[in-house]
PDB file of N, CA and C in Angstrom:
ATOM      1  N   MET A   1     -84.074 258.199  47.395  1.00  0.00           N
ATOM      2  CA  MET A   1     -83.085 258.533  48.404  1.00  0.00           C
ATOM      3  C   MET A   1     -83.741 258.418  49.775  1.00  0.00           C
ATOM      4  N   LYS A   2     -82.948 258.013  50.754  1.00  0.00           N
ATOM      5  CA  LYS A   2     -83.428 257.956  52.134  1.00  0.00           C
ATOM      6  C   LYS A   2     -82.641 258.945  52.996  1.00  0.00           C
ATOM      7  N   ILE A   3     -83.388 259.658  53.829  1.00  0.00           N
ATOM      8  CA  ILE A   3     -82.817 260.603  54.786  1.00  0.00           C
ATOM      9  C   ILE A   3     -83.228 260.138  56.177  1.00  0.00           C
ATOM     10  N   ALA A   4     -82.277 260.107  57.105  1.00  0.00           N
ATOM     11  CA  ALA A   4     -82.574 259.763  58.497  1.00  0.00           C
ATOM     12  C   ALA A   4     -82.462 261.015  59.356  1.00  0.00           C
ATOM     13  N   ALA A   5     -83.281 261.072  60.382  1.00  0.00           N
ATOM     14  CA  ALA A   5     -83.182 262.127  61.388  1.00  0.00           C
ATOM     15  C   ALA A   5     -83.159 261.463  62.758  1.00  0.00           C
ATOM     16  N   THR A   6     -82.253 261.914  63.635  1.00  0.00           N
ATOM     17  CA  THR A   6     -82.323 261.465  65.023  1.00  0.00           C
ATOM     18  C   THR A   6     -83.675 261.945  65.543  1.00  0.00           C
ATOM     19  N   TYR A   7     -84.363 261.128  66.344  1.00  0.00           N
ATOM     20  CA  TYR A   7     -85.784 261.388  66.562  1.00  0.00           C
ATOM     21  C   TYR A   7     -86.223 261.080  67.986  1.00  0.00           C
ATOM     22  N   GLU A   8     -86.998 262.015  68.547  1.00  0.00           N
ATOM     23  CA  GLU A   8     -87.658 261.793  69.837  1.00  0.00           C
ATOM     24  C   GLU A   8     -88.861 262.717  69.934  1.00  0.00           C
ATOM     25  N   ASN A   9     -90.038 262.141  70.090  1.00  0.00           N
ATOM     26  CA  ASN A   9     -91.277 262.906  70.268  1.00  0.00           C
ATOM     27  C   ASN A   9     -91.480 263.973  69.196  1.00  0.00           C
ATOM     28  N   GLY A  10     -91.213 263.620  67.952  1.00  0.00           N
ATOM     29  CA  GLY A  10     -91.440 264.542  66.846  1.00  0.00           C
ATOM     30  C   GLY A  10     -90.317 265.523  66.581  1.00  0.00           C
ATOM     31  N   GLU A  11     -89.315 265.549  67.446  1.00  0.00           N
ATOM     32  CA  GLU A  11     -88.228 266.522  67.347  1.00  0.00           C
ATOM     33  C   GLU A  11     -86.914 265.853  66.936  1.00  0.00           C
ATOM     34  N   ILE A  12     -85.971 266.669  66.464  1.00  0.00           N
ATOM     35  CA  ILE A  12     -84.611 266.199  66.207  1.00  0.00           C
ATOM     36  C   ILE A  12     -83.963 265.934  67.562  1.00  0.00           C
ATOM     37  N   PHE A  13     -83.573 264.694  67.820  1.00  0.00           N
ATOM     38  CA  PHE A  13     -82.895 264.354  69.074  1.00  0.00           C
ATOM     39  C   PHE A  13     -81.489 264.945  69.033  1.00  0.00           C
ATOM     40  N   GLN A  14     -81.009 265.459  70.167  1.00  0.00           N
ATOM     41  CA  GLN A  14     -79.803 266.278  70.172  1.00  0.00           C
ATOM     42  C   GLN A  14     -78.488 265.554  70.425  1.00  0.00           C
ATOM     43  N   HIS A  15     -78.467 264.242  70.510  1.00  0.00           N
ATOM     44  CA  HIS A  15     -77.187 263.541  70.685  1.00  0.00           C
ATOM     45  C   HIS A  15     -77.212 262.264  69.845  1.00  0.00           C
ATOM     46  N   PHE A  16     -76.564 262.301  68.699  1.00  0.00           N
ATOM     47  CA  PHE A  16     -76.585 261.191  67.747  1.00  0.00           C
ATOM     48  C   PHE A  16     -76.310 259.845  68.407  1.00  0.00           C
ATOM     49  N   GLY A  17     -75.246 259.745  69.185  1.00  0.00           N
ATOM     50  CA  GLY A  17     -74.835 258.471  69.761  1.00  0.00           C
ATOM     51  C   GLY A  17     -75.761 257.918  70.819  1.00  0.00           C
ATOM     52  N   HIS A  18     -76.685 258.732  71.301  1.00  0.00           N
ATOM     53  CA  HIS A  18     -77.624 258.283  72.332  1.00  0.00           C
ATOM     54  C   HIS A  18     -79.056 258.188  71.820  1.00  0.00           C
ATOM     55  N   THR A  19     -79.257 258.454  70.542  1.00  0.00           N
ATOM     56  CA  THR A  19     -80.619 258.389  70.019  1.00  0.00           C
ATOM     57  C   THR A  19     -81.142 256.958  70.074  1.00  0.00           C
ATOM     58  N   GLU A  20     -82.380 256.814  70.472  1.00  0.00           N
ATOM     59  CA  GLU A  20     -83.009 255.495  70.513  1.00  0.00           C
ATOM     60  C   GLU A  20     -83.848 255.241  69.275  1.00  0.00           C
ATOM     61  N   GLN A  21     -84.142 256.319  68.529  1.00  0.00           N
ATOM     62  CA  GLN A  21     -84.964 256.186  67.333  1.00  0.00           C
ATOM     63  C   GLN A  21     -84.443 257.089  66.220  1.00  0.00           C
ATOM     64  N   PHE A  22     -84.713 256.653  65.011  1.00  0.00           N
ATOM     65  CA  PHE A  22     -84.509 257.480  63.828  1.00  0.00           C
ATOM     66  C   PHE A  22     -85.839 257.551  63.099  1.00  0.00           C
ATOM     67  N   LYS A  23     -86.079 258.666  62.444  1.00  0.00           N
ATOM     68  CA  LYS A  23     -87.188 258.718  61.502  1.00  0.00           C
ATOM     69  C   LYS A  23     -86.548 258.677  60.127  1.00  0.00           C
ATOM     70  N   ILE A  24     -86.971 257.713  59.322  1.00  0.00           N
ATOM     71  CA  ILE A  24     -86.411 257.507  57.994  1.00  0.00           C
ATOM     72  C   ILE A  24     -87.418 258.025  56.975  1.00  0.00           C
ATOM     73  N   TYR A  25     -86.954 258.905  56.105  1.00  0.00           N
ATOM     74  CA  TYR A  25     -87.801 259.516  55.086  1.00  0.00           C
ATOM     75  C   TYR A  25     -87.396 258.994  53.713  1.00  0.00           C
ATOM     76  N   GLU A  26     -88.368 258.626  52.916  1.00  0.00           N
ATOM     77  CA  GLU A  26     -88.141 258.217  51.530  1.00  0.00           C
ATOM     78  C   GLU A  26     -88.439 259.426  50.644  1.00  0.00           C
ATOM     79  N   VAL A  27     -87.466 259.796  49.814  1.00  0.00           N
ATOM     80  CA  VAL A  27     -87.605 260.967  48.951  1.00  0.00           C
ATOM     81  C   VAL A  27     -87.508 260.525  47.495  1.00  0.00           C
ATOM     82  N   LYS A  28     -88.485 260.941  46.694  1.00  0.00           N
ATOM     83  CA  LYS A  28     -88.477 260.664  45.251  1.00  0.00           C
ATOM     84  C   LYS A  28     -88.857 261.932  44.511  1.00  0.00           C
ATOM     85  N   ASN A  29     -88.110 262.232  43.471  1.00  0.00           N
ATOM     86  CA  ASN A  29     -88.390 263.408  42.642  1.00  0.00           C
ATOM     87  C   ASN A  29     -88.525 264.683  43.472  1.00  0.00           C
ATOM     88  N   GLY A  30     -87.662 264.828  44.490  1.00  0.00           N
ATOM     89  CA  GLY A  30     -87.647 266.041  45.297  1.00  0.00           C
ATOM     90  C   GLY A  30     -88.793 266.183  46.278  1.00  0.00           C
ATOM     91  N   LYS A  31     -89.512 265.089  46.546  1.00  0.00           N
ATOM     92  CA  LYS A  31     -90.627 265.144  47.491  1.00  0.00           C
ATOM     93  C   LYS A  31     -90.551 263.971  48.462  1.00  0.00           C
ATOM     94  N   ILE A  32     -90.932 264.222  49.710  1.00  0.00           N
ATOM     95  CA  ILE A  32     -91.018 263.147  50.699  1.00  0.00           C
ATOM     96  C   ILE A  32     -92.269 262.335  50.382  1.00  0.00           C
ATOM     97  N   VAL A  33     -92.082 261.042  50.126  1.00  0.00           N
ATOM     98  CA  VAL A  33     -93.208 260.189  49.742  1.00  0.00           C
ATOM     99  C   VAL A  33     -93.575 259.181  50.832  1.00  0.00           C
ATOM    100  N   GLY A  34     -92.792 259.125  51.886  1.00  0.00           N
ATOM    101  CA  GLY A  34     -93.095 258.217  52.981  1.00  0.00           C
ATOM    102  C   GLY A  34     -92.094 258.373  54.103  1.00  0.00           C
ATOM    103  N   SER A  35     -92.471 257.880  55.279  1.00  0.00           N
ATOM    104  CA  SER A  35     -91.554 257.929  56.421  1.00  0.00           C
ATOM    105  C   SER A  35     -91.950 256.857  57.419  1.00  0.00           C
ATOM    106  N   GLU A  36     -90.984 256.463  58.233  1.00  0.00           N
ATOM    107  CA  GLU A  36     -91.242 255.515  59.311  1.00  0.00           C
ATOM    108  C   GLU A  36     -90.257 255.769  60.439  1.00  0.00           C
ATOM    109  N   VAL A  37     -90.705 255.511  61.666  1.00  0.00           N
ATOM    110  CA  VAL A  37     -89.846 255.618  62.839  1.00  0.00           C
ATOM    111  C   VAL A  37     -89.322 254.222  63.141  1.00  0.00           C
ATOM    112  N   VAL A  38     -87.998 254.121  63.292  1.00  0.00           N
ATOM    113  CA  VAL A  38     -87.364 252.836  63.590  1.00  0.00           C
ATOM    114  C   VAL A  38     -86.504 252.975  64.838  1.00  0.00           C
ATOM    115  N   GLY A  39     -86.399 251.905  65.610  1.00  0.00           N
ATOM    116  CA  GLY A  39     -85.501 251.876  66.755  1.00  0.00           C
ATOM    117  C   GLY A  39     -84.072 251.700  66.278  1.00  0.00           C
ATOM    118  N   ASN A  40     -83.134 251.849  67.190  1.00  0.00           N
ATOM    119  CA  ASN A  40     -81.722 251.719  66.811  1.00  0.00           C
ATOM    120  C   ASN A  40     -81.183 250.317  67.074  1.00  0.00           C
ATOM    121  N   ASP A  41     -82.045 249.374  67.379  1.00  0.00           N
ATOM    122  CA  ASP A  41     -81.651 247.987  67.660  1.00  0.00           C
ATOM    123  C   ASP A  41     -80.669 247.884  68.827  1.00  0.00           C
ATOM    124  N   GLY A  42     -80.696 248.857  69.739  1.00  0.00           N
ATOM    125  CA  GLY A  42     -79.819 248.830  70.904  1.00  0.00           C
ATOM    126  C   GLY A  42     -78.379 249.190  70.605  1.00  0.00           C
ATOM    127  N   LEU A  43     -78.129 249.701  69.425  1.00  0.00           N
ATOM    128  CA  LEU A  43     -76.763 250.040  69.017  1.00  0.00           C
ATOM    129  C   LEU A  43     -76.360 251.402  69.557  1.00  0.00           C
ATOM    130  N   GLY A  44     -75.060 251.602  69.717  1.00  0.00           N
ATOM    131  CA  GLY A  44     -74.535 252.880  70.176  1.00  0.00           C
ATOM    132  C   GLY A  44     -73.630 253.499  69.138  1.00  0.00           C
ATOM    133  N   HIS A  45     -72.923 254.528  69.567  1.00  0.00           N
ATOM    134  CA  HIS A  45     -72.059 255.352  68.717  1.00  0.00           C
ATOM    135  C   HIS A  45     -71.444 254.615  67.520  1.00  0.00           C
ATOM    136  N   GLY A  46     -70.616 253.623  67.786  1.00  0.00           N
ATOM    137  CA  GLY A  46     -69.812 252.997  66.750  1.00  0.00           C
ATOM    138  C   GLY A  46     -70.580 252.205  65.721  1.00  0.00           C
ATOM    139  N   ALA A  47     -71.719 251.650  66.095  1.00  0.00           N
ATOM    140  CA  ALA A  47     -72.451 250.770  65.185  1.00  0.00           C
ATOM    141  C   ALA A  47     -73.576 251.469  64.428  1.00  0.00           C
ATOM    142  N   LEU A  48     -73.925 252.681  64.812  1.00  0.00           N
ATOM    143  CA  LEU A  48     -75.069 253.345  64.195  1.00  0.00           C
ATOM    144  C   LEU A  48     -74.836 253.672  62.724  1.00  0.00           C
ATOM    145  N   ALA A  49     -73.615 254.008  62.351  1.00  0.00           N
ATOM    146  CA  ALA A  49     -73.330 254.338  60.947  1.00  0.00           C
ATOM    147  C   ALA A  49     -73.618 253.139  60.054  1.00  0.00           C
ATOM    148  N   GLY A  50     -73.147 251.968  60.447  1.00  0.00           N
ATOM    149  CA  GLY A  50     -73.399 250.764  59.672  1.00  0.00           C
ATOM    150  C   GLY A  50     -74.877 250.416  59.606  1.00  0.00           C
ATOM    151  N   TYR A  51     -75.573 250.635  60.706  1.00  0.00           N
ATOM    152  CA  TYR A  51     -77.010 250.385  60.765  1.00  0.00           C
ATOM    153  C   TYR A  51     -77.745 251.275  59.765  1.00  0.00           C
ATOM    154  N   LEU A  52     -77.413 252.574  59.760  1.00  0.00           N
ATOM    155  CA  LEU A  52     -78.059 253.491  58.822  1.00  0.00           C
ATOM    156  C   LEU A  52     -77.726 253.126  57.380  1.00  0.00           C
ATOM    157  N   LYS A  53     -76.475 252.794  57.124  1.00  0.00           N
ATOM    158  CA  LYS A  53     -76.059 252.408  55.772  1.00  0.00           C
ATOM    159  C   LYS A  53     -76.823 251.170  55.315  1.00  0.00           C
ATOM    160  N   SER A  54     -77.017 250.204  56.221  1.00  0.00           N
ATOM    161  CA  SER A  54     -77.731 248.972  55.861  1.00  0.00           C
ATOM    162  C   SER A  54     -79.187 249.240  55.486  1.00  0.00           C
ATOM    163  N   MET A  55     -79.731 250.366  55.949  1.00  0.00           N
ATOM    164  CA  MET A  55     -81.101 250.739  55.603  1.00  0.00           C
ATOM    165  C   MET A  55     -81.161 251.606  54.351  1.00  0.00           C
ATOM    166  N   GLY A  56     -80.003 251.887  53.758  1.00  0.00           N
ATOM    167  CA  GLY A  56     -79.977 252.676  52.533  1.00  0.00           C
ATOM    168  C   GLY A  56     -79.988 254.177  52.740  1.00  0.00           C
ATOM    169  N   VAL A  57     -79.687 254.624  53.963  1.00  0.00           N
ATOM    170  CA  VAL A  57     -79.680 256.057  54.265  1.00  0.00           C
ATOM    171  C   VAL A  57     -78.496 256.734  53.574  1.00  0.00           C
ATOM    172  N   GLU A  58     -78.772 257.879  52.943  1.00  0.00           N
ATOM    173  CA  GLU A  58     -77.737 258.657  52.262  1.00  0.00           C
ATOM    174  C   GLU A  58     -77.425 259.970  52.970  1.00  0.00           C
ATOM    175  N   LYS A  59     -78.381 260.469  53.777  1.00  0.00           N
ATOM    176  CA  LYS A  59     -78.198 261.741  54.475  1.00  0.00           C
ATOM    177  C   LYS A  59     -78.746 261.608  55.891  1.00  0.00           C
ATOM    178  N   LEU A  60     -78.104 262.327  56.833  1.00  0.00           N
ATOM    179  CA  LEU A  60     -78.516 262.310  58.236  1.00  0.00           C
ATOM    180  C   LEU A  60     -78.661 263.732  58.746  1.00  0.00           C
ATOM    181  N   VAL A  61     -79.793 264.016  59.373  1.00  0.00           N
ATOM    182  CA  VAL A  61     -80.036 265.285  60.051  1.00  0.00           C
ATOM    183  C   VAL A  61     -79.985 264.999  61.549  1.00  0.00           C
ATOM    184  N   CYS A  62     -79.183 265.776  62.293  1.00  0.00           N
ATOM    185  CA  CYS A  62     -79.040 265.511  63.729  1.00  0.00           C
ATOM    186  C   CYS A  62     -78.698 266.792  64.478  1.00  0.00           C
ATOM    187  N   GLY A  63     -78.651 266.682  65.799  1.00  0.00           N
ATOM    188  CA  GLY A  63     -78.184 267.768  66.649  1.00  0.00           C
ATOM    189  C   GLY A  63     -76.684 267.632  66.807  1.00  0.00           C
ATOM    190  N   GLY A  64     -76.224 267.318  68.033  1.00  0.00           N
ATOM    191  CA  GLY A  64     -74.801 267.119  68.290  1.00  0.00           C
ATOM    192  C   GLY A  64     -74.340 265.750  67.829  1.00  0.00           C
ATOM    193  N   ILE A  65     -73.057 265.678  67.451  1.00  0.00           N
ATOM    194  CA  ILE A  65     -72.482 264.412  67.001  1.00  0.00           C
ATOM    195  C   ILE A  65     -70.990 264.431  67.284  1.00  0.00           C
ATOM    196  N   GLY A  66     -70.465 263.341  67.780  1.00  0.00           N
ATOM    197  CA  GLY A  66     -69.040 263.232  68.068  1.00  0.00           C
ATOM    198  C   GLY A  66     -68.217 263.037  66.803  1.00  0.00           C
ATOM    199  N   GLY A  67     -66.944 263.367  66.910  1.00  0.00           N
ATOM    200  CA  GLY A  67     -66.047 263.268  65.766  1.00  0.00           C
ATOM    201  C   GLY A  67     -65.895 261.863  65.228  1.00  0.00           C
ATOM    202  N   GLY A  68     -65.833 260.871  66.111  1.00  0.00           N
ATOM    203  CA  GLY A  68     -65.682 259.488  65.667  1.00  0.00           C
ATOM    204  C   GLY A  68     -66.889 259.009  64.878  1.00  0.00           C
ATOM    205  N   ALA A  69     -68.076 259.313  65.369  1.00  0.00           N
ATOM    206  CA  ALA A  69     -69.301 258.923  64.667  1.00  0.00           C
ATOM    207  C   ALA A  69     -69.380 259.622  63.318  1.00  0.00           C
ATOM    208  N   ARG A  70     -68.990 260.869  63.314  1.00  0.00           N
ATOM    209  CA  ARG A  70     -69.031 261.626  62.060  1.00  0.00           C
ATOM    210  C   ARG A  70     -68.083 261.033  61.026  1.00  0.00           C
ATOM    211  N   GLN A  71     -66.886 260.639  61.467  1.00  0.00           N
ATOM    212  CA  GLN A  71     -65.928 260.012  60.556  1.00  0.00           C
ATOM    213  C   GLN A  71     -66.478 258.708  60.002  1.00  0.00           C
ATOM    214  N   MET A  72     -67.126 257.923  60.842  1.00  0.00           N
ATOM    215  CA  MET A  72     -67.696 256.655  60.378  1.00  0.00           C
ATOM    216  C   MET A  72     -68.796 256.893  59.346  1.00  0.00           C
ATOM    217  N   LEU A  73     -69.650 257.863  59.599  1.00  0.00           N
ATOM    218  CA  LEU A  73     -70.710 258.188  58.648  1.00  0.00           C
ATOM    219  C   LEU A  73     -70.115 258.684  57.331  1.00  0.00           C
ATOM    220  N   ASP A  74     -69.137 259.588  57.427  1.00  0.00           N
ATOM    221  CA  ASP A  74     -68.463 260.093  56.223  1.00  0.00           C
ATOM    222  C   ASP A  74     -67.847 258.942  55.436  1.00  0.00           C
ATOM    223  N   GLY A  75     -67.200 258.017  56.148  1.00  0.00           N
ATOM    224  CA  GLY A  75     -66.556 256.882  55.512  1.00  0.00           C
ATOM    225  C   GLY A  75     -67.526 255.955  54.798  1.00  0.00           C
ATOM    226  N   MET A  76     -68.775 255.986  55.210  1.00  0.00           N
ATOM    227  CA  MET A  76     -69.800 255.155  54.572  1.00  0.00           C
ATOM    228  C   MET A  76     -70.589 255.927  53.524  1.00  0.00           C
ATOM    229  N   GLY A  77     -70.159 257.169  53.280  1.00  0.00           N
ATOM    230  CA  GLY A  77     -70.815 257.960  52.247  1.00  0.00           C
ATOM    231  C   GLY A  77     -72.126 258.594  52.666  1.00  0.00           C
ATOM    232  N   ILE A  78     -72.370 258.694  53.972  1.00  0.00           N
ATOM    233  CA  ILE A  78     -73.591 259.326  54.468  1.00  0.00           C
ATOM    234  C   ILE A  78     -73.286 260.789  54.769  1.00  0.00           C
ATOM    235  N   GLU A  79     -73.999 261.696  54.098  1.00  0.00           N
ATOM    236  CA  GLU A  79     -73.822 263.130  54.329  1.00  0.00           C
ATOM    237  C   GLU A  79     -74.459 263.504  55.663  1.00  0.00           C
ATOM    238  N   VAL A  80     -73.740 264.281  56.477  1.00  0.00           N
ATOM    239  CA  VAL A  80     -74.208 264.646  57.815  1.00  0.00           C
ATOM    240  C   VAL A  80     -74.564 266.133  57.849  1.00  0.00           C
ATOM    241  N   TYR A  81     -75.740 266.419  58.393  1.00  0.00           N
ATOM    242  CA  TYR A  81     -76.228 267.788  58.568  1.00  0.00           C
ATOM    243  C   TYR A  81     -76.473 268.001  60.058  1.00  0.00           C
ATOM    244  N   PRO A  82     -75.425 268.394  60.814  1.00  0.00           N
ATOM    245  CA  PRO A  82     -75.544 268.541  62.268  1.00  0.00           C
ATOM    246  C   PRO A  82     -75.989 269.944  62.687  1.00  0.00           C
ATOM    247  N   GLY A  83     -76.226 270.081  63.984  1.00  0.00           N
ATOM    248  CA  GLY A  83     -76.561 271.388  64.543  1.00  0.00           C
ATOM    249  C   GLY A  83     -77.995 271.797  64.279  1.00  0.00           C
ATOM    250  N   VAL A  84     -78.863 270.819  64.049  1.00  0.00           N
ATOM    251  CA  VAL A  84     -80.260 271.087  63.728  1.00  0.00           C
ATOM    252  C   VAL A  84     -81.119 270.779  64.951  1.00  0.00           C
ATOM    253  N   SER A  85     -82.138 271.575  65.171  1.00  0.00           N
ATOM    254  CA  SER A  85     -83.097 271.311  66.244  1.00  0.00           C
ATOM    255  C   SER A  85     -84.490 271.625  65.724  1.00  0.00           C
ATOM    256  N   GLY A  86     -85.493 271.233  66.501  1.00  0.00           N
ATOM    257  CA  GLY A  86     -86.872 271.518  66.120  1.00  0.00           C
ATOM    258  C   GLY A  86     -87.587 270.304  65.568  1.00  0.00           C
ATOM    259  N   ASN A  87     -88.719 270.547  64.948  1.00  0.00           N
ATOM    260  CA  ASN A  87     -89.575 269.500  64.411  1.00  0.00           C
ATOM    261  C   ASN A  87     -88.865 268.736  63.296  1.00  0.00           C
ATOM    262  N   ALA A  88     -88.799 267.420  63.439  1.00  0.00           N
ATOM    263  CA  ALA A  88     -88.057 266.591  62.482  1.00  0.00           C
ATOM    264  C   ALA A  88     -88.642 266.678  61.076  1.00  0.00           C
ATOM    265  N   ASP A  89     -89.957 266.572  60.950  1.00  0.00           N
ATOM    266  CA  ASP A  89     -90.572 266.617  59.624  1.00  0.00           C
ATOM    267  C   ASP A  89     -90.266 267.938  58.920  1.00  0.00           C
ATOM    268  N   GLU A  90     -90.398 269.038  59.642  1.00  0.00           N
ATOM    269  CA  GLU A  90     -90.132 270.353  59.052  1.00  0.00           C
ATOM    270  C   GLU A  90     -88.676 270.493  58.630  1.00  0.00           C
ATOM    271  N   GLN A  91     -87.753 270.010  59.467  1.00  0.00           N
ATOM    272  CA  GLN A  91     -86.331 270.163  59.152  1.00  0.00           C
ATOM    273  C   GLN A  91     -85.931 269.303  57.955  1.00  0.00           C
ATOM    274  N   VAL A  92     -86.452 268.098  57.862  1.00  0.00           N
ATOM    275  CA  VAL A  92     -86.129 267.253  56.704  1.00  0.00           C
ATOM    276  C   VAL A  92     -86.746 267.844  55.439  1.00  0.00           C
ATOM    277  N   GLU A  93     -87.941 268.397  55.540  1.00  0.00           N
ATOM    278  CA  GLU A  93     -88.545 269.082  54.385  1.00  0.00           C
ATOM    279  C   GLU A  93     -87.643 270.231  53.926  1.00  0.00           C
ATOM    280  N   ARG A  94     -87.058 270.942  54.875  1.00  0.00           N
ATOM    281  CA  ARG A  94     -86.125 272.027  54.526  1.00  0.00           C
ATOM    282  C   ARG A  94     -84.878 271.485  53.833  1.00  0.00           C
ATOM    283  N   LEU A  95     -84.370 270.344  54.301  1.00  0.00           N
ATOM    284  CA  LEU A  95     -83.214 269.740  53.638  1.00  0.00           C
ATOM    285  C   LEU A  95     -83.562 269.400  52.192  1.00  0.00           C
ATOM    286  N   VAL A  96     -84.707 268.794  51.994  1.00  0.00           N
ATOM    287  CA  VAL A  96     -85.132 268.401  50.647  1.00  0.00           C
ATOM    288  C   VAL A  96     -85.285 269.624  49.743  1.00  0.00           C
ATOM    289  N   SER A  97     -85.788 270.718  50.296  1.00  0.00           N
ATOM    290  CA  SER A  97     -86.004 271.928  49.494  1.00  0.00           C
ATOM    291  C   SER A  97     -84.761 272.808  49.385  1.00  0.00           C
ATOM    292  N   GLY A  98     -83.687 272.432  50.095  1.00  0.00           N
ATOM    293  CA  GLY A  98     -82.444 273.203  50.019  1.00  0.00           C
ATOM    294  C   GLY A  98     -82.383 274.402  50.933  1.00  0.00           C
ATOM    295  N   THR A  99     -83.255 274.460  51.941  1.00  0.00           N
ATOM    296  CA  THR A  99     -83.284 275.615  52.842  1.00  0.00           C
ATOM    297  C   THR A  99     -82.942 275.268  54.291  1.00  0.00           C
ATOM    298  N   LEU A 100     -82.378 274.088  54.527  1.00  0.00           N
ATOM    299  CA  LEU A 100     -82.059 273.678  55.897  1.00  0.00           C
ATOM    300  C   LEU A 100     -80.967 274.558  56.488  1.00  0.00           C
ATOM    301  N   ASP A 101     -81.213 275.055  57.700  1.00  0.00           N
ATOM    302  CA  ASP A 101     -80.220 275.824  58.446  1.00  0.00           C
ATOM    303  C   ASP A 101     -79.506 274.851  59.386  1.00  0.00           C
ATOM    304  N   PHE A 102     -78.246 274.531  59.071  1.00  0.00           N
ATOM    305  CA  PHE A 102     -77.475 273.600  59.890  1.00  0.00           C
ATOM    306  C   PHE A 102     -76.085 274.174  60.104  1.00  0.00           C
ATOM    307  N   ASP A 103     -75.359 273.619  61.077  1.00  0.00           N
ATOM    308  CA  ASP A 103     -74.011 274.081  61.392  1.00  0.00           C
ATOM    309  C   ASP A 103     -73.035 272.936  61.162  1.00  0.00           C
ATOM    310  N   PRO A 104     -72.282 272.969  60.059  1.00  0.00           N
ATOM    311  CA  PRO A 104     -71.370 271.866  59.753  1.00  0.00           C
ATOM    312  C   PRO A 104     -70.262 271.686  60.781  1.00  0.00           C
ATOM    313  N   GLU A 105     -70.039 272.669  61.633  1.00  0.00           N
ATOM    314  CA  GLU A 105     -68.982 272.597  62.645  1.00  0.00           C
ATOM    315  C   GLU A 105     -69.468 272.012  63.972  1.00  0.00           C
ATOM    316  N   THR A 106     -70.748 271.702  64.089  1.00  0.00           N
ATOM    317  CA  THR A 106     -71.298 271.177  65.340  1.00  0.00           C
ATOM    318  C   THR A 106     -70.671 269.839  65.685  1.00  0.00           C
ATOM    319  N   THR A 107     -70.184 269.728  66.923  1.00  0.00           N
ATOM    320  CA  THR A 107     -69.631 268.468  67.418  1.00  0.00           C
ATOM    321  C   THR A 107     -70.040 268.289  68.871  1.00  0.00           C
ATOM    322  N   CYS A 108     -69.808 267.112  69.370  1.00  0.00           N
ATOM    323  CA  CYS A 108     -69.988 266.813  70.786  1.00  0.00           C
ATOM    324  C   CYS A 108     -68.671 266.220  71.248  1.00  0.00           C
ATOM    325  N   HIS A 109     -67.884 266.991  71.992  1.00  0.00           N
ATOM    326  CA  HIS A 109     -66.533 266.582  72.377  1.00  0.00           C
ATOM    327  C   HIS A 109     -66.483 265.743  73.645  1.00  0.00           C
ATOM    328  N   HIS A 110     -67.428 265.923  74.542  1.00  0.00           N
ATOM    329  CA  HIS A 110     -67.316 265.347  75.881  1.00  0.00           C
ATOM    330  C   HIS A 110     -68.404 264.306  76.121  1.00  0.00           C
ATOM    331  N   HIS A 111     -68.159 263.088  75.729  1.00  0.00           N
ATOM    332  CA  HIS A 111     -69.172 262.061  75.871  1.00  0.00           C
ATOM    333  C   HIS A 111     -69.389 261.643  77.317  1.00  0.00           C
ATOM    334  N   ASP A 112     -68.443 261.892  78.195  1.00  0.00           N
ATOM    335  CA  ASP A 112     -68.628 261.537  79.597  1.00  0.00           C
ATOM    336  C   ASP A 112     -69.075 262.727  80.436  1.00  0.00           C
ATOM    337  N   ARG A 113     -68.533 263.902  80.143  1.00  0.00           N
ATOM    338  CA  ARG A 113     -68.794 265.059  80.998  1.00  0.00           C
ATOM    339  C   ARG A 113     -69.888 265.976  80.468  1.00  0.00           C
ATOM    340  N   HIS A 114     -70.079 266.054  79.170  1.00  0.00           N
ATOM    341  CA  HIS A 114     -71.075 266.932  78.554  1.00  0.00           C
ATOM    342  C   HIS A 114     -70.972 268.351  79.101  1.00  0.00           C
ATOM    343  N   GLU A 115     -69.824 268.951  78.861  1.00  0.00           N
ATOM    344  CA  GLU A 115     -69.587 270.307  79.339  1.00  0.00           C
ATOM    345  C   GLU A 115     -70.095 271.328  78.328  1.00  0.00           C
ATOM    346  N   GLY A 116     -69.870 272.589  78.616  1.00  0.00           N
ATOM    347  CA  GLY A 116     -70.428 273.691  77.856  1.00  0.00           C
ATOM    348  C   GLY A 116     -70.208 273.671  76.361  1.00  0.00           C
ATOM    349  N   SER A 117     -69.085 273.141  75.860  1.00  0.00           N
ATOM    350  CA  SER A 117     -68.852 273.172  74.420  1.00  0.00           C
ATOM    351  C   SER A 117     -69.632 272.096  73.685  1.00  0.00           C
ATOM    352  N   CYS A 118     -70.258 271.219  74.400  1.00  0.00           N
ATOM    353  CA  CYS A 118     -71.052 270.157  73.788  1.00  0.00           C
ATOM    354  C   CYS A 118     -72.408 270.724  73.385  1.00  0.00           C
ATOM    355  N   THR A 119     -72.840 270.419  72.180  1.00  0.00           N
ATOM    356  CA  THR A 119     -74.127 270.926  71.712  1.00  0.00           C
ATOM    357  C   THR A 119     -75.219 269.873  71.758  1.00  0.00           C
ATOM    358  N   CYS A 120     -75.001 268.802  72.515  1.00  0.00           N
ATOM    359  CA  CYS A 120     -75.986 267.719  72.526  1.00  0.00           C
ATOM    360  C   CYS A 120     -77.169 268.020  73.441  1.00  0.00           C
ATOM    361  N   GLY A 121     -77.123 269.087  74.210  1.00  0.00           N
ATOM    362  CA  GLY A 121     -78.249 269.460  75.040  1.00  0.00           C
ATOM    363  C   GLY A 121     -78.327 268.762  76.386  1.00  0.00           C
ATOM    364  N   ARG A 122     -77.306 267.995  76.747  1.00  0.00           N
ATOM    365  CA  ARG A 122     -77.357 267.257  78.013  1.00  0.00           C
ATOM    366  C   ARG A 122     -76.782 268.048  79.178  1.00  0.00           C
ATOM    367  N   GLY A 123     -76.154 269.190  78.935  1.00  0.00           N
ATOM    368  CA  GLY A 123     -75.615 270.006  80.017  1.00  0.00           C
ATOM    369  C   GLY A 123     -74.469 269.348  80.747  1.00  0.00           C
ATOM    370  N   SER A 124     -74.039 269.922  81.849  1.00  0.00           N
ATOM    371  CA  SER A 124     -72.946 269.355  82.651  1.00  0.00           C
ATOM    372  C   SER A 124     -73.509 268.273  83.548  1.00  0.00           C
ATOM    373  N   GLN A 125     -73.156 267.023  83.240  1.00  0.00           N
ATOM    374  CA  GLN A 125     -73.665 265.898  84.022  1.00  0.00           C
ATOM    375  C   GLN A 125     -72.537 265.132  84.630  1.00  0.00           C
TER     376      GLN A 125
END
């Protein structure tokens, strides 16, 4: 199984549609056996789901994520674990062990304004 995490400087990047990198983890027999950091090939919101699917990703750990991106990921059979922050390796290890603390209701509603209800960490811009 492959798990992707939005990634920046070792941490879970907080806005799925703006992530420039993913860390892809290979999991076998309940253990992480390898990982690699990959760029997003310059893709944005709408194309990232297909990109992850083409790499064989089955699960995604991220911070904030918009409803449209989430629907696309769901439609491709990729399980989404949003509302996560902190060290990417530690959080994916928690997902594998069944102890990940995530918020299934996390969304990013304001892609242009990034107001208070947005959990992507970009603030009011």
